[in-house]
Amino acid sequence: MTLDIRPLGATFAAELRGIDVTRLDEAAFARVRDAWFEHGILVLRDQRLGEEDLVAFSRRFGELETHVRREYLSPDHPEILYVSNIVENGRRVGILSDHEVGWHYDQIYLPRPAVGSCLYATRLPSSGGETSFADMAAAYEALPRETRERIDGAEANQSYAYFNAGNSVPTNEEQTARTPDVAHPLVRTHPVTGRKALYVCPGMTTHIVGMAADESAALLEELYAWSTREAFVYRHEWRHGDAVLWDNACTMHRREPFDSRSQRLMKRTTILPPPALAVPR
C-alpha cells in the first residue's frame, strides 16, 4: 500500500488521503505510524468511527490513558474523553466548553506524559473552534545556539491545577491528589526519532526549576513567542469526520473560541509511552 500524503504545514503536519483507519492491515498501519513520526500530525478526513473503532485504532499506537476527569469520559469506552460545550440535563457532557483554550501539551503534568493524542470530530459549530499546532522540534532546532545551550539540561515545573485555573473547572479533591505538580526536562528527546523539542507550554508550565522567578518568566515568554511564530504553526479547520493524530512528544496546541449557541463534540484518546520510556529525557 502506498500512502497518498499531502504536506500541510511549513515544517510538519500532513493529510493522508484515501485512508479508512478501520481497514488497515499490519503493513498499512506500519506505514501510517511511520508517517506520524515523520510529520508529527496526521489529518485523516472522512472517517466514520464508532467509539470502539476510535479506541481500536488508537490502541495500535500504544497503551491508552484513562483521563483523571472521569466525569467527562465515555460511559462505554473510558479511554475516550469528551471535549464539548454540550449540557444535558444540567450536566456538562465534556471538558473545555466553548472558550479559547491556550497553548498546552496534553498530559505534560503527569509523571508518564502522553506521546500521542487522537481527536475525532463528531459535531462542529458553523464557525470557530479551529485548532492550531506548534512544531516544538523545529522551533528548538531553529533557536540560536546560545539559547539551546542555556536550556539544555534544565527542568520546568508542570501543573494541572495551573491549567484548570485558566481553562477549565477545578478538579475535585481526589483528582487533585492524583495530579500533583511534576518537573520534566525543558528539552525533551523524542523516544522514537531522537529529535529534541521544547517541552514547555503557557498553559501548564509554571516556572523553570532552580531559576529566579523573573529570569524564568522572561525566558519562558521568549520561548513561547519563538515557538508560536507562523513558521512553526499549522492551523486546522475542522470538518465532520476528521480524525487528527498528533505527536504529543513534540507538538503543543491551542483552540479558538466558538459561539456558545453552537454545539461542538470531539472525542479524544490519549496514547501513553511504553513503560521503559515513561519518563521524558
C-alpha atoms as a PDB file:
ATOM      1  CA  MET A   1       0.000   0.000   0.000  1.00  0.00           C
ATOM      2  CA  THR A   2       1.339   3.423  -0.984  1.00  0.00           C
ATOM      3  CA  LEU A   3       0.170   6.329   1.140  1.00  0.00           C
ATOM      4  CA  ASP A   4      -1.158   9.464  -0.547  1.00  0.00           C
ATOM      5  CA  ILE A   5       0.469  12.118   1.654  1.00  0.00           C
ATOM      6  CA  ARG A   6      -0.087  15.857   1.248  1.00  0.00           C
ATOM      7  CA  PRO A   7       2.054  18.143   3.437  1.00  0.00           C
ATOM      8  CA  LEU A   8       0.027  20.829   5.218  1.00  0.00           C
ATOM      9  CA  GLY A   9       2.408  22.942   7.307  1.00  0.00           C
ATOM     10  CA  ALA A  10       5.754  24.527   6.578  1.00  0.00           C
ATOM     11  CA  THR A  11       7.683  22.186   8.890  1.00  0.00           C
ATOM     12  CA  PHE A  12       5.214  19.454   9.875  1.00  0.00           C
ATOM     13  CA  ALA A  13       1.642  18.086   9.501  1.00  0.00           C
ATOM     14  CA  ALA A  14       0.264  16.078   6.597  1.00  0.00           C
ATOM     15  CA  GLU A  15      -3.050  14.812   5.294  1.00  0.00           C
ATOM     16  CA  LEU A  16      -3.319  11.114   4.479  1.00  0.00           C
ATOM     17  CA  ARG A  17      -5.841  10.718   1.689  1.00  0.00           C
ATOM     18  CA  GLY A  18      -7.983   7.714   0.908  1.00  0.00           C
ATOM     19  CA  ILE A  19      -7.423   6.073   4.294  1.00  0.00           C
ATOM     20  CA  ASP A  20     -10.053   4.153   6.259  1.00  0.00           C
ATOM     21  CA  VAL A  21      -8.439   3.577   9.639  1.00  0.00           C
ATOM     22  CA  THR A  22     -10.765   0.667  10.427  1.00  0.00           C
ATOM     23  CA  ARG A  23      -9.420  -1.371   7.492  1.00  0.00           C
ATOM     24  CA  LEU A  24      -5.637  -1.112   7.856  1.00  0.00           C
ATOM     25  CA  ASP A  25      -3.681  -4.352   7.771  1.00  0.00           C
ATOM     26  CA  GLU A  26      -0.390  -4.566   9.670  1.00  0.00           C
ATOM     27  CA  ALA A  27       1.747  -3.385   6.752  1.00  0.00           C
ATOM     28  CA  ALA A  28      -0.512  -0.413   6.027  1.00  0.00           C
ATOM     29  CA  PHE A  29      -0.682   0.535   9.695  1.00  0.00           C
ATOM     30  CA  ALA A  30       3.118   0.437   9.942  1.00  0.00           C
ATOM     31  CA  ARG A  31       3.302   2.987   7.113  1.00  0.00           C
ATOM     32  CA  VAL A  32       0.758   5.202   8.867  1.00  0.00           C
ATOM     33  CA  ARG A  33       2.757   5.005  12.097  1.00  0.00           C
ATOM     34  CA  ASP A  34       5.972   5.879  10.269  1.00  0.00           C
ATOM     35  CA  ALA A  35       4.236   8.841   8.609  1.00  0.00           C
ATOM     36  CA  TRP A  36       3.066  10.010  12.041  1.00  0.00           C
ATOM     37  CA  PHE A  37       6.601  10.058  13.377  1.00  0.00           C
ATOM     38  CA  GLU A  38       7.849  11.777  10.228  1.00  0.00           C
ATOM     39  CA  HIS A  39       5.196  14.510  10.026  1.00  0.00           C
ATOM     40  CA  GLY A  40       4.159  14.950  13.675  1.00  0.00           C
ATOM     41  CA  ILE A  41       0.488  15.471  12.778  1.00  0.00           C
ATOM     42  CA  LEU A  42      -1.708  13.312  10.561  1.00  0.00           C
ATOM     43  CA  VAL A  43      -5.073  14.556   9.292  1.00  0.00           C
ATOM     44  CA  LEU A  44      -7.420  11.732   8.315  1.00  0.00           C
ATOM     45  CA  ARG A  45     -10.552  13.043   6.600  1.00  0.00           C
ATOM     46  CA  ASP A  46     -13.993  11.470   6.186  1.00  0.00           C
ATOM     47  CA  GLN A  47     -13.673   8.821   8.868  1.00  0.00           C
ATOM     48  CA  ARG A  48     -16.780   7.059  10.162  1.00  0.00           C
ATOM     49  CA  LEU A  49     -15.741   5.872  13.579  1.00  0.00           C
ATOM     50  CA  GLY A  50     -17.809   4.379  16.320  1.00  0.00           C
ATOM     51  CA  GLU A  51     -16.240   4.695  19.741  1.00  0.00           C
ATOM     52  CA  GLU A  52     -14.981   1.119  19.554  1.00  0.00           C
ATOM     53  CA  ASP A  53     -13.287   1.956  16.224  1.00  0.00           C
ATOM     54  CA  LEU A  54     -11.587   5.031  17.669  1.00  0.00           C
ATOM     55  CA  VAL A  55     -10.289   3.033  20.630  1.00  0.00           C
ATOM     56  CA  ALA A  56      -9.117   0.143  18.449  1.00  0.00           C
ATOM     57  CA  PHE A  57      -7.232   2.432  16.044  1.00  0.00           C
ATOM     58  CA  SER A  58      -5.642   4.458  18.837  1.00  0.00           C
ATOM     59  CA  ARG A  59      -4.597   1.357  20.771  1.00  0.00           C
ATOM     60  CA  ARG A  60      -2.494   0.181  17.838  1.00  0.00           C
ATOM     61  CA  PHE A  61      -0.114   3.043  18.689  1.00  0.00           C
ATOM     62  CA  GLY A  62       0.217   2.081  22.352  1.00  0.00           C
ATOM     63  CA  GLU A  63      -1.482   1.833  25.718  1.00  0.00           C
ATOM     64  CA  LEU A  64      -4.328   4.316  26.210  1.00  0.00           C
ATOM     65  CA  GLU A  65      -4.773   6.586  29.204  1.00  0.00           C
ATOM     66  CA  THR A  66      -7.933   6.870  31.266  1.00  0.00           C
ATOM     67  CA  HIS A  67      -8.162  10.610  31.960  1.00  0.00           C
ATOM     68  CA  VAL A  68      -8.365  11.831  35.550  1.00  0.00           C
ATOM     69  CA  ARG A  69     -11.534  13.799  34.697  1.00  0.00           C
ATOM     70  CA  ARG A  70     -13.741  10.730  34.870  1.00  0.00           C
ATOM     71  CA  GLU A  71     -16.940  12.794  34.753  1.00  0.00           C
ATOM     72  CA  TYR A  72     -16.159  13.581  31.092  1.00  0.00           C
ATOM     73  CA  LEU A  73     -15.324  10.061  29.914  1.00  0.00           C
ATOM     74  CA  SER A  74     -17.404   7.933  27.589  1.00  0.00           C
ATOM     75  CA  PRO A  75     -19.622   5.674  29.710  1.00  0.00           C
ATOM     76  CA  ASP A  76     -18.970   2.759  27.351  1.00  0.00           C
ATOM     77  CA  HIS A  77     -15.326   3.407  26.464  1.00  0.00           C
ATOM     78  CA  PRO A  78     -13.491   5.182  29.315  1.00  0.00           C
ATOM     79  CA  GLU A  79     -10.395   5.548  27.113  1.00  0.00           C
ATOM     80  CA  ILE A  80     -12.330   8.339  25.342  1.00  0.00           C
ATOM     81  CA  LEU A  81     -12.501  11.856  26.782  1.00  0.00           C
ATOM     82  CA  TYR A  82     -15.337  14.085  25.576  1.00  0.00           C
ATOM     83  CA  VAL A  83     -14.311  17.648  24.689  1.00  0.00           C
ATOM     84  CA  SER A  84     -17.557  19.574  24.404  1.00  0.00           C
ATOM     85  CA  ASN A  85     -19.699  22.533  25.420  1.00  0.00           C
ATOM     86  CA  ILE A  86     -22.925  20.496  25.381  1.00  0.00           C
ATOM     87  CA  VAL A  87     -25.021  20.450  28.553  1.00  0.00           C
ATOM     88  CA  GLU A  88     -27.578  17.668  29.025  1.00  0.00           C
ATOM     89  CA  ASN A  89     -29.963  17.572  31.986  1.00  0.00           C
ATOM     90  CA  GLY A  90     -27.955  20.292  33.693  1.00  0.00           C
ATOM     91  CA  ARG A  91     -24.678  18.354  33.371  1.00  0.00           C
ATOM     92  CA  ARG A  92     -21.685  19.160  31.195  1.00  0.00           C
ATOM     93  CA  VAL A  93     -21.071  16.340  28.741  1.00  0.00           C
ATOM     94  CA  GLY A  94     -17.423  17.233  28.116  1.00  0.00           C
ATOM     95  CA  ILE A  95     -14.468  19.307  29.146  1.00  0.00           C
ATOM     96  CA  LEU A  96     -13.290  22.761  27.971  1.00  0.00           C
ATOM     97  CA  SER A  97     -16.663  24.272  26.947  1.00  0.00           C
ATOM     98  CA  ASP A  98     -16.608  26.930  24.157  1.00  0.00           C
ATOM     99  CA  HIS A  99     -13.951  29.443  25.213  1.00  0.00           C
ATOM    100  CA  GLU A 100     -10.430  29.871  23.901  1.00  0.00           C
ATOM    101  CA  VAL A 101      -8.035  27.228  25.195  1.00  0.00           C
ATOM    102  CA  GLY A 102      -4.452  28.439  25.259  1.00  0.00           C
ATOM    103  CA  TRP A 103      -1.283  26.672  24.165  1.00  0.00           C
ATOM    104  CA  HIS A 104      -0.651  23.422  26.028  1.00  0.00           C
ATOM    105  CA  TYR A 105       0.715  19.888  25.817  1.00  0.00           C
ATOM    106  CA  ASP A 106      -1.694  17.081  26.676  1.00  0.00           C
ATOM    107  CA  GLN A 107      -0.796  15.370  29.959  1.00  0.00           C
ATOM    108  CA  ILE A 108       2.552  17.152  30.387  1.00  0.00           C
ATOM    109  CA  TYR A 109       1.604  17.357  34.081  1.00  0.00           C
ATOM    110  CA  LEU A 110       1.835  13.571  34.585  1.00  0.00           C
ATOM    111  CA  PRO A 111       4.955  11.584  35.550  1.00  0.00           C
ATOM    112  CA  ARG A 112       4.261   9.443  32.458  1.00  0.00           C
ATOM    113  CA  PRO A 113       3.086  12.068  29.947  1.00  0.00           C
ATOM    114  CA  ALA A 114       1.380  11.206  26.688  1.00  0.00           C
ATOM    115  CA  VAL A 115       3.234  10.564  23.449  1.00  0.00           C
ATOM    116  CA  GLY A 116       0.176  10.939  21.272  1.00  0.00           C
ATOM    117  CA  SER A 117      -3.408  12.155  21.053  1.00  0.00           C
ATOM    118  CA  CYS A 118      -6.165  11.434  18.544  1.00  0.00           C
ATOM    119  CA  LEU A 119      -9.109  13.840  18.297  1.00  0.00           C
ATOM    120  CA  TYR A 120     -12.207  12.886  16.310  1.00  0.00           C
ATOM    121  CA  ALA A 121     -14.817  15.442  15.226  1.00  0.00           C
ATOM    122  CA  THR A 122     -18.432  14.302  15.597  1.00  0.00           C
ATOM    123  CA  ARG A 123     -20.299  17.608  15.996  1.00  0.00           C
ATOM    124  CA  LEU A 124     -18.984  21.028  14.942  1.00  0.00           C
ATOM    125  CA  PRO A 125     -20.036  24.678  15.177  1.00  0.00           C
ATOM    126  CA  SER A 126     -20.617  26.582  11.946  1.00  0.00           C
ATOM    127  CA  SER A 127     -17.510  28.665  12.642  1.00  0.00           C
ATOM    128  CA  GLY A 128     -14.731  28.875  15.207  1.00  0.00           C
ATOM    129  CA  GLY A 129     -13.164  26.089  17.236  1.00  0.00           C
ATOM    130  CA  GLU A 130     -10.103  25.736  14.976  1.00  0.00           C
ATOM    131  CA  THR A 131      -7.057  24.057  16.498  1.00  0.00           C
ATOM    132  CA  SER A 132      -3.528  25.381  15.997  1.00  0.00           C
ATOM    133  CA  PHE A 133      -0.461  23.200  16.492  1.00  0.00           C
ATOM    134  CA  ALA A 134       3.124  24.298  17.124  1.00  0.00           C
ATOM    135  CA  ASP A 135       6.122  22.271  15.926  1.00  0.00           C
ATOM    136  CA  MET A 136       8.280  22.345  19.044  1.00  0.00           C
ATOM    137  CA  ALA A 137      11.054  20.256  17.469  1.00  0.00           C
ATOM    138  CA  ALA A 138      11.536  22.646  14.553  1.00  0.00           C
ATOM    139  CA  ALA A 139      11.301  25.567  16.977  1.00  0.00           C
ATOM    140  CA  TYR A 140      14.047  24.106  19.173  1.00  0.00           C
ATOM    141  CA  GLU A 141      16.321  23.332  16.236  1.00  0.00           C
ATOM    142  CA  ALA A 142      15.987  26.898  14.928  1.00  0.00           C
ATOM    143  CA  LEU A 143      16.877  28.533  18.249  1.00  0.00           C
ATOM    144  CA  PRO A 144      20.165  30.434  18.499  1.00  0.00           C
ATOM    145  CA  ARG A 145      22.924  28.165  19.769  1.00  0.00           C
ATOM    146  CA  GLU A 146      23.386  30.166  22.962  1.00  0.00           C
ATOM    147  CA  THR A 147      19.702  29.728  23.829  1.00  0.00           C
ATOM    148  CA  ARG A 148      19.857  25.978  23.235  1.00  0.00           C
ATOM    149  CA  GLU A 149      22.918  25.745  25.461  1.00  0.00           C
ATOM    150  CA  ARG A 150      21.134  27.748  28.142  1.00  0.00           C
ATOM    151  CA  ILE A 151      18.101  25.459  28.291  1.00  0.00           C
ATOM    152  CA  ASP A 152      19.612  22.022  27.630  1.00  0.00           C
ATOM    153  CA  GLY A 153      19.584  20.095  30.905  1.00  0.00           C
ATOM    154  CA  ALA A 154      17.094  22.432  32.599  1.00  0.00           C
ATOM    155  CA  GLU A 155      13.796  21.268  34.077  1.00  0.00           C
ATOM    156  CA  ALA A 156      10.430  23.013  34.219  1.00  0.00           C
ATOM    157  CA  ASN A 157       7.540  22.568  36.644  1.00  0.00           C
ATOM    158  CA  GLN A 158       4.216  21.426  35.151  1.00  0.00           C
ATOM    159  CA  SER A 159       0.870  21.923  36.890  1.00  0.00           C
ATOM    160  CA  TYR A 160      -2.615  20.688  36.009  1.00  0.00           C
ATOM    161  CA  ALA A 161      -4.084  22.975  38.678  1.00  0.00           C
ATOM    162  CA  TYR A 162      -2.466  25.927  36.889  1.00  0.00           C
ATOM    163  CA  PHE A 163      -4.102  24.866  33.619  1.00  0.00           C
ATOM    164  CA  ASN A 164      -7.527  24.435  35.187  1.00  0.00           C
ATOM    165  CA  ALA A 165      -7.363  27.865  36.802  1.00  0.00           C
ATOM    166  CA  GLY A 166      -7.257  29.440  33.359  1.00  0.00           C
ATOM    167  CA  ASN A 167      -9.059  26.971  31.123  1.00  0.00           C
ATOM    168  CA  SER A 168     -11.400  24.620  32.959  1.00  0.00           C
ATOM    169  CA  VAL A 169     -13.294  23.868  36.149  1.00  0.00           C
ATOM    170  CA  PRO A 170     -11.160  22.812  39.140  1.00  0.00           C
ATOM    171  CA  THR A 171     -10.550  19.158  39.861  1.00  0.00           C
ATOM    172  CA  ASN A 172     -12.107  17.589  42.936  1.00  0.00           C
ATOM    173  CA  GLU A 173     -10.049  16.559  45.953  1.00  0.00           C
ATOM    174  CA  GLU A 174      -9.343  13.043  44.686  1.00  0.00           C
ATOM    175  CA  GLN A 175      -8.394  14.271  41.207  1.00  0.00           C
ATOM    176  CA  THR A 176      -6.137  16.963  42.647  1.00  0.00           C
ATOM    177  CA  ALA A 177      -4.346  14.388  44.788  1.00  0.00           C
ATOM    178  CA  ARG A 178      -3.724  12.278  41.669  1.00  0.00           C
ATOM    179  CA  THR A 179      -2.194  15.169  39.710  1.00  0.00           C
ATOM    180  CA  PRO A 180       0.488  16.852  41.826  1.00  0.00           C
ATOM    181  CA  ASP A 181       2.977  19.135  40.100  1.00  0.00           C
ATOM    182  CA  VAL A 182       5.822  17.381  38.309  1.00  0.00           C
ATOM    183  CA  ALA A 183       9.142  18.513  36.814  1.00  0.00           C
ATOM    184  CA  HIS A 184      10.175  17.431  33.305  1.00  0.00           C
ATOM    185  CA  PRO A 185      13.132  18.320  31.078  1.00  0.00           C
ATOM    186  CA  LEU A 186      12.630  21.662  29.364  1.00  0.00           C
ATOM    187  CA  VAL A 187      14.000  19.992  26.233  1.00  0.00           C
ATOM    188  CA  ARG A 188      12.540  16.554  25.563  1.00  0.00           C
ATOM    189  CA  THR A 189      14.194  13.927  23.390  1.00  0.00           C
ATOM    190  CA  HIS A 190      11.682  12.042  21.260  1.00  0.00           C
ATOM    191  CA  PRO A 191      11.596   8.363  22.313  1.00  0.00           C
ATOM    192  CA  VAL A 192      11.456   7.146  18.688  1.00  0.00           C
ATOM    193  CA  THR A 193      13.015   9.744  16.388  1.00  0.00           C
ATOM    194  CA  GLY A 194      15.606  11.086  18.826  1.00  0.00           C
ATOM    195  CA  ARG A 195      14.795  14.712  17.870  1.00  0.00           C
ATOM    196  CA  LYS A 196      14.862  17.284  20.622  1.00  0.00           C
ATOM    197  CA  ALA A 197      11.872  19.546  21.215  1.00  0.00           C
ATOM    198  CA  LEU A 198      10.894  22.347  23.556  1.00  0.00           C
ATOM    199  CA  TYR A 199       8.794  20.753  26.276  1.00  0.00           C
ATOM    200  CA  VAL A 200       7.115  23.708  27.957  1.00  0.00           C
ATOM    201  CA  CYS A 201       3.768  25.417  27.382  1.00  0.00           C
ATOM    202  CA  PRO A 202       1.981  28.539  28.642  1.00  0.00           C
ATOM    203  CA  GLY A 203      -0.995  26.534  29.859  1.00  0.00           C
ATOM    204  CA  MET A 204       0.773  24.227  32.301  1.00  0.00           C
ATOM    205  CA  THR A 205       4.385  25.341  32.845  1.00  0.00           C
ATOM    206  CA  THR A 206       4.701  27.475  35.981  1.00  0.00           C
ATOM    207  CA  HIS A 207       8.471  28.048  36.150  1.00  0.00           C
ATOM    208  CA  ILE A 208      11.933  26.747  35.337  1.00  0.00           C
ATOM    209  CA  VAL A 209      13.299  24.806  38.285  1.00  0.00           C
ATOM    210  CA  GLY A 210      16.178  26.486  40.113  1.00  0.00           C
ATOM    211  CA  MET A 211      15.933  29.768  38.202  1.00  0.00           C
ATOM    212  CA  ALA A 212      14.981  33.127  39.683  1.00  0.00           C
ATOM    213  CA  ALA A 213      11.302  33.902  39.117  1.00  0.00           C
ATOM    214  CA  ASP A 214      11.867  36.975  36.938  1.00  0.00           C
ATOM    215  CA  GLU A 215      14.508  35.244  34.822  1.00  0.00           C
ATOM    216  CA  SER A 216      12.343  32.141  34.455  1.00  0.00           C
ATOM    217  CA  ALA A 217       9.283  34.127  33.380  1.00  0.00           C
ATOM    218  CA  ALA A 218      11.265  36.143  30.847  1.00  0.00           C
ATOM    219  CA  LEU A 219      12.911  33.069  29.325  1.00  0.00           C
ATOM    220  CA  LEU A 220       9.632  31.174  29.082  1.00  0.00           C
ATOM    221  CA  GLU A 221       7.937  34.116  27.372  1.00  0.00           C
ATOM    222  CA  GLU A 222      10.838  34.291  24.918  1.00  0.00           C
ATOM    223  CA  LEU A 223      10.466  30.578  24.126  1.00  0.00           C
ATOM    224  CA  TYR A 224       6.693  30.846  23.707  1.00  0.00           C
ATOM    225  CA  ALA A 225       6.938  33.834  21.387  1.00  0.00           C
ATOM    226  CA  TRP A 226       9.564  31.997  19.342  1.00  0.00           C
ATOM    227  CA  SER A 227       7.779  28.642  19.092  1.00  0.00           C
ATOM    228  CA  THR A 228       4.384  30.106  18.117  1.00  0.00           C
ATOM    229  CA  ARG A 229       5.706  32.099  15.160  1.00  0.00           C
ATOM    230  CA  GLU A 230       3.832  31.462  11.937  1.00  0.00           C
ATOM    231  CA  ALA A 231       6.751  29.448  10.545  1.00  0.00           C
ATOM    232  CA  PHE A 232       6.212  26.738  13.184  1.00  0.00           C
ATOM    233  CA  VAL A 233       2.390  26.655  13.331  1.00  0.00           C
ATOM    234  CA  TYR A 234      -0.241  24.648  11.459  1.00  0.00           C
ATOM    235  CA  ARG A 235      -3.879  25.756  11.902  1.00  0.00           C
ATOM    236  CA  HIS A 236      -6.504  23.075  11.398  1.00  0.00           C
ATOM    237  CA  GLU A 237     -10.035  23.923  10.285  1.00  0.00           C
ATOM    238  CA  TRP A 238     -12.200  21.018  11.296  1.00  0.00           C
ATOM    239  CA  ARG A 239     -14.609  19.077   9.110  1.00  0.00           C
ATOM    240  CA  HIS A 240     -17.095  16.495  10.282  1.00  0.00           C
ATOM    241  CA  GLY A 241     -15.400  13.092  10.311  1.00  0.00           C
ATOM    242  CA  ASP A 242     -11.866  14.440  10.751  1.00  0.00           C
ATOM    243  CA  ALA A 243      -9.546  12.364  12.914  1.00  0.00           C
ATOM    244  CA  VAL A 244      -6.361  14.247  13.772  1.00  0.00           C
ATOM    245  CA  LEU A 245      -3.475  12.366  15.325  1.00  0.00           C
ATOM    246  CA  TRP A 246      -0.601  14.368  16.777  1.00  0.00           C
ATOM    247  CA  ASP A 247       2.738  13.521  18.307  1.00  0.00           C
ATOM    248  CA  ASN A 248       2.484  14.797  21.855  1.00  0.00           C
ATOM    249  CA  ALA A 249       6.215  14.493  22.474  1.00  0.00           C
ATOM    250  CA  CYS A 250       6.947  17.467  20.218  1.00  0.00           C
ATOM    251  CA  THR A 251       3.667  19.283  19.495  1.00  0.00           C
ATOM    252  CA  MET A 252       1.659  21.728  21.589  1.00  0.00           C
ATOM    253  CA  HIS A 253      -1.740  23.050  20.569  1.00  0.00           C
ATOM    254  CA  ARG A 254      -4.464  25.602  21.262  1.00  0.00           C
ATOM    255  CA  ARG A 255      -8.140  26.065  20.366  1.00  0.00           C
ATOM    256  CA  GLU A 256     -10.070  29.073  19.107  1.00  0.00           C
ATOM    257  CA  PRO A 257     -13.347  30.003  20.853  1.00  0.00           C
ATOM    258  CA  PHE A 258     -16.711  29.474  19.177  1.00  0.00           C
ATOM    259  CA  ASP A 259     -20.304  30.631  19.582  1.00  0.00           C
ATOM    260  CA  SER A 260     -21.778  29.192  22.785  1.00  0.00           C
ATOM    261  CA  ARG A 261     -25.102  28.750  20.980  1.00  0.00           C
ATOM    262  CA  SER A 262     -23.453  26.163  18.718  1.00  0.00           C
ATOM    263  CA  GLN A 263     -22.640  22.630  19.792  1.00  0.00           C
ATOM    264  CA  ARG A 264     -19.239  21.001  19.475  1.00  0.00           C
ATOM    265  CA  LEU A 265     -18.431  17.419  20.417  1.00  0.00           C
ATOM    266  CA  MET A 266     -14.979  15.961  19.959  1.00  0.00           C
ATOM    267  CA  LYS A 267     -13.791  12.561  21.154  1.00  0.00           C
ATOM    268  CA  ARG A 268     -10.174  12.186  22.236  1.00  0.00           C
ATOM    269  CA  THR A 269      -7.926   9.287  23.032  1.00  0.00           C
ATOM    270  CA  THR A 270      -4.528   9.686  24.654  1.00  0.00           C
ATOM    271  CA  ILE A 271      -1.603   7.385  23.862  1.00  0.00           C
ATOM    272  CA  LEU A 272       0.950   6.594  26.561  1.00  0.00           C
ATOM    273  CA  PRO A 273       4.620   5.693  26.030  1.00  0.00           C
ATOM    274  CA  PRO A 274       5.918   2.201  26.758  1.00  0.00           C
ATOM    275  CA  PRO A 275       6.835   1.847  30.465  1.00  0.00           C
ATOM    276  CA  ALA A 276      10.552   1.737  29.611  1.00  0.00           C
ATOM    277  CA  LEU A 277      10.222   5.196  28.038  1.00  0.00           C
ATOM    278  CA  ALA A 278       7.716   6.580  30.547  1.00  0.00           C
ATOM    279  CA  VAL A 279       9.865   9.386  31.936  1.00  0.00           C
ATOM    280  CA  PRO A 280      10.884  12.056  29.399  1.00  0.00           C
ATOM    281  CA  ARG A 281      14.579  12.655  28.958  1.00  0.00           C
END
